[in-house]
């Protein structure tokens, strides 16, 4: 478990497991977000939140498309 300082004063920390770090690396969640100073501020957290939301929506969207071809039947007028 790692502790990351969450504010400038050092009064808040975030505990991160190796599994969390692996997920961050796997999905490149911090790629192109962190400024050159290495500090993650509120603006960067907002970008991260929007990126994750977008990723989740694209993963969920394909499961919402149900095929209706099996439930519809072709009828011919007599």
PDB file of N, CA and C in Angstrom:
ATOM      1  N   UNK A   1       0.857  -1.174   0.000  1.00  0.00           N
ATOM      2  CA  UNK A   1       0.000   0.000   0.000  1.00  0.00           C
ATOM      3  C   UNK A   1       0.898   1.230   0.000  1.00  0.00           C
ATOM      4  N   UNK A   2       0.559   2.200  -0.824  1.00  0.00           N
ATOM      5  CA  UNK A   2       1.306   3.451  -0.931  1.00  0.00           C
ATOM      6  C   UNK A   2       0.432   4.582  -0.428  1.00  0.00           C
ATOM      7  N   UNK A   3       1.062   5.600   0.139  1.00  0.00           N
ATOM      8  CA  UNK A   3       0.341   6.790   0.572  1.00  0.00           C
ATOM      9  C   UNK A   3       0.779   7.954  -0.302  1.00  0.00           C
ATOM     10  N   UNK A   4      -0.218   8.651  -0.854  1.00  0.00           N
ATOM     11  CA  UNK A   4       0.036   9.808  -1.703  1.00  0.00           C
ATOM     12  C   UNK A   4      -0.492  11.042  -0.989  1.00  0.00           C
ATOM     13  N   UNK A   5       0.337  12.068  -0.917  1.00  0.00           N
ATOM     14  CA  UNK A   5      -0.071  13.316  -0.292  1.00  0.00           C
ATOM     15  C   UNK A   5      -1.146  13.967  -1.148  1.00  0.00           C
ATOM     16  N   UNK A   6      -2.295  14.306  -0.551  1.00  0.00           N
ATOM     17  CA  UNK A   6      -3.435  14.799  -1.310  1.00  0.00           C
ATOM     18  C   UNK A   6      -3.628  16.310  -1.230  1.00  0.00           C
ATOM     19  N   UNK A   7      -2.885  16.985  -0.385  1.00  0.00           N
ATOM     20  CA  UNK A   7      -2.969  18.448  -0.355  1.00  0.00           C
ATOM     21  C   UNK A   7      -1.594  19.027  -0.030  1.00  0.00           C
ATOM     22  N   UNK A   8      -1.460  20.334  -0.215  1.00  0.00           N
ATOM     23  CA  UNK A   8      -0.156  20.970  -0.034  1.00  0.00           C
ATOM     24  C   UNK A   8       0.354  20.887   1.394  1.00  0.00           C
ATOM     25  N   UNK A   9      -0.534  20.932   2.369  1.00  0.00           N
ATOM     26  CA  UNK A   9      -0.120  20.897   3.768  1.00  0.00           C
ATOM     27  C   UNK A   9       0.281  19.503   4.228  1.00  0.00           C
ATOM     28  N   UNK A  10      -0.141  18.487   3.498  1.00  0.00           N
ATOM     29  CA  UNK A  10       0.178  17.119   3.888  1.00  0.00           C
ATOM     30  C   UNK A  10      -0.743  16.549   4.938  1.00  0.00           C
ATOM     31  N   UNK A  11      -1.886  17.184   5.140  1.00  0.00           N
ATOM     32  CA  UNK A  11      -2.828  16.705   6.146  1.00  0.00           C
ATOM     33  C   UNK A  11      -3.770  15.635   5.607  1.00  0.00           C
ATOM     34  N   UNK A  12      -3.819  15.477   4.292  1.00  0.00           N
ATOM     35  CA  UNK A  12      -4.665  14.451   3.681  1.00  0.00           C
ATOM     36  C   UNK A  12      -3.810  13.553   2.814  1.00  0.00           C
ATOM     37  N   UNK A  13      -4.104  12.263   2.901  1.00  0.00           N
ATOM     38  CA  UNK A  13      -3.389  11.306   2.074  1.00  0.00           C
ATOM     39  C   UNK A  13      -4.379  10.350   1.416  1.00  0.00           C
ATOM     40  N   UNK A  14      -3.945   9.740   0.337  1.00  0.00           N
ATOM     41  CA  UNK A  14      -4.741   8.746  -0.372  1.00  0.00           C
ATOM     42  C   UNK A  14      -3.941   7.450  -0.354  1.00  0.00           C
ATOM     43  N   UNK A  15      -4.556   6.368   0.058  1.00  0.00           N
ATOM     44  CA  UNK A  15      -3.890   5.074   0.052  1.00  0.00           C
ATOM     45  C   UNK A  15      -4.162   4.379  -1.274  1.00  0.00           C
ATOM     46  N   UNK A  16      -3.088   3.932  -1.920  1.00  0.00           N
ATOM     47  CA  UNK A  16      -3.185   3.313  -3.233  1.00  0.00           C
ATOM     48  C   UNK A  16      -2.502   1.955  -3.185  1.00  0.00           C
ATOM     49  N   UNK A  17      -3.210   0.946  -3.640  1.00  0.00           N
ATOM     50  CA  UNK A  17      -2.654  -0.406  -3.654  1.00  0.00           C
ATOM     51  C   UNK A  17      -1.903  -0.647  -4.963  1.00  0.00           C
ATOM     52  N   UNK A  18      -1.073  -1.671  -5.011  1.00  0.00           N
ATOM     53  CA  UNK A  18      -0.417  -2.026  -6.278  1.00  0.00           C
ATOM     54  C   UNK A  18      -1.432  -2.336  -7.383  1.00  0.00           C
ATOM     55  N   UNK A  19      -2.583  -2.871  -7.010  1.00  0.00           N
ATOM     56  CA  UNK A  19      -3.633  -3.150  -7.993  1.00  0.00           C
ATOM     57  C   UNK A  19      -4.156  -1.844  -8.595  1.00  0.00           C
ATOM     58  N   UNK A  20      -4.331  -0.821  -7.757  1.00  0.00           N
ATOM     59  CA  UNK A  20      -4.760   0.482  -8.264  1.00  0.00           C
ATOM     60  C   UNK A  20      -3.730   1.033  -9.241  1.00  0.00           C
ATOM     61  N   UNK A  21      -2.460   0.942  -8.880  1.00  0.00           N
ATOM     62  CA  UNK A  21      -1.395   1.436  -9.753  1.00  0.00           C
ATOM     63  C   UNK A  21      -1.373   0.684 -11.078  1.00  0.00           C
ATOM     64  N   UNK A  22      -1.623  -0.618 -11.030  1.00  0.00           N
ATOM     65  CA  UNK A  22      -1.659  -1.411 -12.260  1.00  0.00           C
ATOM     66  C   UNK A  22      -2.805  -0.957 -13.166  1.00  0.00           C
ATOM     67  N   UNK A  23      -3.953  -0.657 -12.584  1.00  0.00           N
ATOM     68  CA  UNK A  23      -5.099  -0.175 -13.354  1.00  0.00           C
ATOM     69  C   UNK A  23      -4.802   1.183 -13.972  1.00  0.00           C
ATOM     70  N   UNK A  24      -4.184   2.061 -13.194  1.00  0.00           N
ATOM     71  CA  UNK A  24      -3.809   3.387 -13.704  1.00  0.00           C
ATOM     72  C   UNK A  24      -2.863   3.244 -14.884  1.00  0.00           C
ATOM     73  N   UNK A  25      -1.897   2.350 -14.762  1.00  0.00           N
ATOM     74  CA  UNK A  25      -0.939   2.133 -15.846  1.00  0.00           C
ATOM     75  C   UNK A  25      -1.598   1.462 -17.054  1.00  0.00           C
ATOM     76  N   UNK A  26      -2.440   0.455 -16.794  1.00  0.00           N
ATOM     77  CA  UNK A  26      -3.085  -0.290 -17.878  1.00  0.00           C
ATOM     78  C   UNK A  26      -3.904   0.622 -18.783  1.00  0.00           C
ATOM     79  N   UNK A  27      -4.661   1.528 -18.191  1.00  0.00           N
ATOM     80  CA  UNK A  27      -5.526   2.414 -18.955  1.00  0.00           C
ATOM     81  C   UNK A  27      -4.908   3.788 -19.218  1.00  0.00           C
ATOM     82  N   UNK A  28      -3.646   3.971 -18.812  1.00  0.00           N
ATOM     83  CA  UNK A  28      -2.932   5.256 -19.007  1.00  0.00           C
ATOM     84  C   UNK A  28      -3.764   6.425 -18.490  1.00  0.00           C
ATOM     85  N   UNK A  29      -4.306   6.277 -17.290  1.00  0.00           N
ATOM     86  CA  UNK A  29      -5.235   7.267 -16.762  1.00  0.00           C
ATOM     87  C   UNK A  29      -4.598   8.623 -16.494  1.00  0.00           C
ATOM     88  N   UNK A  30      -3.319   8.649 -16.181  1.00  0.00           N
ATOM     89  CA  UNK A  30      -2.667   9.926 -15.899  1.00  0.00           C
ATOM     90  C   UNK A  30      -1.853  10.431 -17.090  1.00  0.00           C
ATOM     91  N   UNK A  31      -1.884   9.705 -18.178  1.00  0.00           N
ATOM     92  CA  UNK A  31      -1.134  10.106 -19.366  1.00  0.00           C
ATOM     93  C   UNK A  31      -1.652  11.444 -19.878  1.00  0.00           C
ATOM     94  N   UNK A  32      -0.748  12.368 -20.108  1.00  0.00           N
ATOM     95  CA  UNK A  32      -1.049  13.717 -20.623  1.00  0.00           C
ATOM     96  C   UNK A  32      -1.915  14.546 -19.687  1.00  0.00           C
ATOM     97  N   UNK A  33      -2.007  14.166 -18.431  1.00  0.00           N
ATOM     98  CA  UNK A  33      -2.791  14.953 -17.478  1.00  0.00           C
ATOM     99  C   UNK A  33      -1.910  15.738 -16.514  1.00  0.00           C
ATOM    100  N   UNK A  34      -0.819  15.152 -16.086  1.00  0.00           N
ATOM    101  CA  UNK A  34       0.009  15.757 -15.057  1.00  0.00           C
ATOM    102  C   UNK A  34       0.880  16.839 -15.680  1.00  0.00           C
ATOM    103  N   UNK A  35       0.883  18.026 -15.059  1.00  0.00           N
ATOM    104  CA  UNK A  35       1.718  19.119 -15.528  1.00  0.00           C
ATOM    105  C   UNK A  35       3.187  18.821 -15.282  1.00  0.00           C
ATOM    106  N   UNK A  36       4.034  19.670 -15.777  1.00  0.00           N
ATOM    107  CA  UNK A  36       5.476  19.461 -15.654  1.00  0.00           C
ATOM    108  C   UNK A  36       5.946  19.494 -14.204  1.00  0.00           C
ATOM    109  N   UNK A  37       5.167  20.124 -13.317  1.00  0.00           N
ATOM    110  CA  UNK A  37       5.550  20.163 -11.908  1.00  0.00           C
ATOM    111  C   UNK A  37       5.188  18.880 -11.164  1.00  0.00           C
ATOM    112  N   UNK A  38       4.420  17.994 -11.794  1.00  0.00           N
ATOM    113  CA  UNK A  38       4.068  16.713 -11.189  1.00  0.00           C
ATOM    114  C   UNK A  38       2.946  16.781 -10.180  1.00  0.00           C
ATOM    115  N   UNK A  39       2.335  17.940 -10.031  1.00  0.00           N
ATOM    116  CA  UNK A  39       1.257  18.105  -9.055  1.00  0.00           C
ATOM    117  C   UNK A  39      -0.086  17.891  -9.746  1.00  0.00           C
ATOM    118  N   UNK A  40      -0.927  17.086  -9.126  1.00  0.00           N
ATOM    119  CA  UNK A  40      -2.271  16.831  -9.639  1.00  0.00           C
ATOM    120  C   UNK A  40      -3.227  17.730  -8.864  1.00  0.00           C
ATOM    121  N   UNK A  41      -3.752  18.752  -9.525  1.00  0.00           N
ATOM    122  CA  UNK A  41      -4.659  19.682  -8.868  1.00  0.00           C
ATOM    123  C   UNK A  41      -6.102  19.392  -9.273  1.00  0.00           C
ATOM    124  N   UNK A  42      -7.007  20.279  -8.868  1.00  0.00           N
ATOM    125  CA  UNK A  42      -8.436  20.063  -9.130  1.00  0.00           C
ATOM    126  C   UNK A  42      -8.749  19.973 -10.621  1.00  0.00           C
ATOM    127  N   UNK A  43      -8.087  20.799 -11.437  1.00  0.00           N
ATOM    128  CA  UNK A  43      -8.346  20.760 -12.880  1.00  0.00           C
ATOM    129  C   UNK A  43      -7.965  19.408 -13.473  1.00  0.00           C
ATOM    130  N   UNK A  44      -6.847  18.867 -13.030  1.00  0.00           N
ATOM    131  CA  UNK A  44      -6.397  17.570 -13.532  1.00  0.00           C
ATOM    132  C   UNK A  44      -7.332  16.466 -13.056  1.00  0.00           C
ATOM    133  N   UNK A  45      -7.806  16.554 -11.816  1.00  0.00           N
ATOM    134  CA  UNK A  45      -8.761  15.559 -11.322  1.00  0.00           C
ATOM    135  C   UNK A  45     -10.065  15.604 -12.116  1.00  0.00           C
ATOM    136  N   UNK A  46     -10.484  16.794 -12.510  1.00  0.00           N
ATOM    137  CA  UNK A  46     -11.692  16.920 -13.327  1.00  0.00           C
ATOM    138  C   UNK A  46     -11.484  16.249 -14.681  1.00  0.00           C
ATOM    139  N   UNK A  47     -10.329  16.480 -15.324  1.00  0.00           N
ATOM    140  CA  UNK A  47     -10.027  15.824 -16.590  1.00  0.00           C
ATOM    141  C   UNK A  47     -10.006  14.310 -16.427  1.00  0.00           C
ATOM    142  N   UNK A  48      -9.415  13.841 -15.328  1.00  0.00           N
ATOM    143  CA  UNK A  48      -9.358  12.403 -15.067  1.00  0.00           C
ATOM    144  C   UNK A  48     -10.763  11.831 -14.911  1.00  0.00           C
ATOM    145  N   UNK A  49     -11.609  12.529 -14.172  1.00  0.00           N
ATOM    146  CA  UNK A  49     -12.983  12.071 -13.972  1.00  0.00           C
ATOM    147  C   UNK A  49     -13.723  11.979 -15.301  1.00  0.00           C
ATOM    148  N   UNK A  50     -13.549  12.980 -16.153  1.00  0.00           N
ATOM    149  CA  UNK A  50     -14.222  12.972 -17.450  1.00  0.00           C
ATOM    150  C   UNK A  50     -13.686  11.860 -18.344  1.00  0.00           C
ATOM    151  N   UNK A  51     -12.381  11.616 -18.301  1.00  0.00           N
ATOM    152  CA  UNK A  51     -11.797  10.530 -19.088  1.00  0.00           C
ATOM    153  C   UNK A  51     -12.334   9.171 -18.648  1.00  0.00           C
ATOM    154  N   UNK A  52     -12.409   8.962 -17.339  1.00  0.00           N
ATOM    155  CA  UNK A  52     -12.905   7.682 -16.814  1.00  0.00           C
ATOM    156  C   UNK A  52     -14.381   7.517 -17.148  1.00  0.00           C
ATOM    157  N   UNK A  53     -15.146   8.588 -17.007  1.00  0.00           N
ATOM    158  CA  UNK A  53     -16.579   8.519 -17.342  1.00  0.00           C
ATOM    159  C   UNK A  53     -16.753   8.136 -18.811  1.00  0.00           C
ATOM    160  N   UNK A  54     -15.958   8.737 -19.673  1.00  0.00           N
ATOM    161  CA  UNK A  54     -16.030   8.430 -21.098  1.00  0.00           C
ATOM    162  C   UNK A  54     -15.676   6.975 -21.367  1.00  0.00           C
ATOM    163  N   UNK A  55     -14.638   6.474 -20.694  1.00  0.00           N
ATOM    164  CA  UNK A  55     -14.238   5.077 -20.862  1.00  0.00           C
ATOM    165  C   UNK A  55     -15.348   4.132 -20.414  1.00  0.00           C
ATOM    166  N   UNK A  56     -15.965   4.432 -19.286  1.00  0.00           N
ATOM    167  CA  UNK A  56     -17.032   3.574 -18.778  1.00  0.00           C
ATOM    168  C   UNK A  56     -18.239   3.588 -19.700  1.00  0.00           C
ATOM    169  N   UNK A  57     -18.564   4.742 -20.249  1.00  0.00           N
ATOM    170  CA  UNK A  57     -19.712   4.829 -21.150  1.00  0.00           C
ATOM    171  C   UNK A  57     -19.465   4.037 -22.427  1.00  0.00           C
ATOM    172  N   UNK A  58     -18.248   4.057 -22.929  1.00  0.00           N
ATOM    173  CA  UNK A  58     -17.974   3.315 -24.155  1.00  0.00           C
ATOM    174  C   UNK A  58     -17.942   1.817 -23.897  1.00  0.00           C
ATOM    175  N   UNK A  59     -17.606   1.398 -22.683  1.00  0.00           N
ATOM    176  CA  UNK A  59     -17.637  -0.029 -22.353  1.00  0.00           C
ATOM    177  C   UNK A  59     -19.051  -0.515 -22.149  1.00  0.00           C
ATOM    178  N   UNK A  60     -19.912   0.308 -21.590  1.00  0.00           N
ATOM    179  CA  UNK A  60     -21.288  -0.087 -21.287  1.00  0.00           C
ATOM    180  C   UNK A  60     -22.164  -0.012 -22.525  1.00  0.00           C
ATOM    181  N   UNK A  61     -21.910   0.928 -23.416  1.00  0.00           N
ATOM    182  CA  UNK A  61     -22.781   1.150 -24.575  1.00  0.00           C
ATOM    183  C   UNK A  61     -23.029  -0.102 -25.409  1.00  0.00           C
ATOM    184  N   UNK A  62     -22.020  -0.906 -25.756  1.00  0.00           N
ATOM    185  CA  UNK A  62     -22.302  -2.086 -26.583  1.00  0.00           C
ATOM    186  C   UNK A  62     -23.238  -3.095 -25.915  1.00  0.00           C
ATOM    187  N   UNK A  63     -23.277  -3.172 -24.611  1.00  0.00           N
ATOM    188  CA  UNK A  63     -24.139  -4.139 -23.940  1.00  0.00           C
ATOM    189  C   UNK A  63     -25.586  -3.684 -23.925  1.00  0.00           C
ATOM    190  N   UNK A  64     -25.833  -2.404 -24.222  1.00  0.00           N
ATOM    191  CA  UNK A  64     -27.200  -1.905 -24.232  1.00  0.00           C
ATOM    192  C   UNK A  64     -27.901  -2.193 -25.557  1.00  0.00           C
ATOM    193  N   UNK A  65     -27.161  -2.530 -26.588  1.00  0.00           N
ATOM    194  CA  UNK A  65     -27.748  -2.800 -27.897  1.00  0.00           C
ATOM    195  C   UNK A  65     -28.257  -4.238 -27.937  1.00  0.00           C
ATOM    196  N   UNK A  66     -29.558  -4.366 -27.906  1.00  0.00           N
ATOM    197  CA  UNK A  66     -30.166  -5.696 -27.939  1.00  0.00           C
ATOM    198  C   UNK A  66     -30.622  -5.990 -29.355  1.00  0.00           C
ATOM    199  N   UNK A  67     -30.435  -7.190 -29.781  1.00  0.00           N
ATOM    200  CA  UNK A  67     -30.884  -7.588 -31.107  1.00  0.00           C
ATOM    201  C   UNK A  67     -32.363  -7.905 -31.045  1.00  0.00           C
ATOM    202  N   UNK A  68     -33.120  -7.274 -31.922  1.00  0.00           N
ATOM    203  CA  UNK A  68     -34.568  -7.516 -31.944  1.00  0.00           C
ATOM    204  C   UNK A  68     -34.959  -8.473 -33.049  1.00  0.00           C
ATOM    205  N   UNK A  69     -33.991  -8.946 -33.818  1.00  0.00           N
ATOM    206  CA  UNK A  69     -34.327  -9.820 -34.934  1.00  0.00           C
ATOM    207  C   UNK A  69     -34.915 -11.147 -34.477  1.00  0.00           C
ATOM    208  N   UNK A  70     -34.541 -11.635 -33.339  1.00  0.00           N
ATOM    209  CA  UNK A  70     -35.056 -12.906 -32.858  1.00  0.00           C
ATOM    210  C   UNK A  70     -36.491 -12.777 -32.351  1.00  0.00           C
ATOM    211  N   UNK A  71     -36.859 -11.587 -31.900  1.00  0.00           N
ATOM    212  CA  UNK A  71     -38.184 -11.428 -31.311  1.00  0.00           C
ATOM    213  C   UNK A  71     -39.231 -11.027 -32.339  1.00  0.00           C
ATOM    214  N   UNK A  72     -38.808 -10.581 -33.518  1.00  0.00           N
ATOM    215  CA  UNK A  72     -39.780 -10.187 -34.522  1.00  0.00           C
ATOM    216  C   UNK A  72     -40.002 -11.343 -35.489  1.00  0.00           C
ATOM    217  N   UNK A  73     -41.199 -11.510 -35.890  1.00  0.00           N
ATOM    218  CA  UNK A  73     -41.488 -12.565 -36.854  1.00  0.00           C
ATOM    219  C   UNK A  73     -42.075 -11.944 -38.116  1.00  0.00           C
ATOM    220  N   UNK A  74     -41.784 -12.534 -39.204  1.00  0.00           N
ATOM    221  CA  UNK A  74     -42.260 -12.057 -40.483  1.00  0.00           C
ATOM    222  C   UNK A  74     -43.637 -12.636 -40.745  1.00  0.00           C
ATOM    223  N   UNK A  75     -44.583 -11.785 -41.067  1.00  0.00           N
ATOM    224  CA  UNK A  75     -45.926 -12.280 -41.408  1.00  0.00           C
ATOM    225  C   UNK A  75     -46.254 -11.833 -42.816  1.00  0.00           C
ATOM    226  N   UNK A  76     -46.889 -12.698 -43.531  1.00  0.00           N
ATOM    227  CA  UNK A  76     -47.311 -12.354 -44.890  1.00  0.00           C
ATOM    228  C   UNK A  76     -48.818 -12.280 -44.912  1.00  0.00           C
ATOM    229  N   UNK A  77     -49.328 -11.247 -45.557  1.00  0.00           N
ATOM    230  CA  UNK A  77     -50.800 -11.120 -45.607  1.00  0.00           C
ATOM    231  C   UNK A  77     -51.412 -12.219 -46.465  1.00  0.00           C
ATOM    232  N   UNK A  78     -52.563 -12.707 -46.051  1.00  0.00           N
ATOM    233  CA  UNK A  78     -53.243 -13.780 -46.811  1.00  0.00           C
ATOM    234  C   UNK A  78     -54.495 -13.278 -47.446  1.00  0.00           C
TER     235      UNK A  78
END
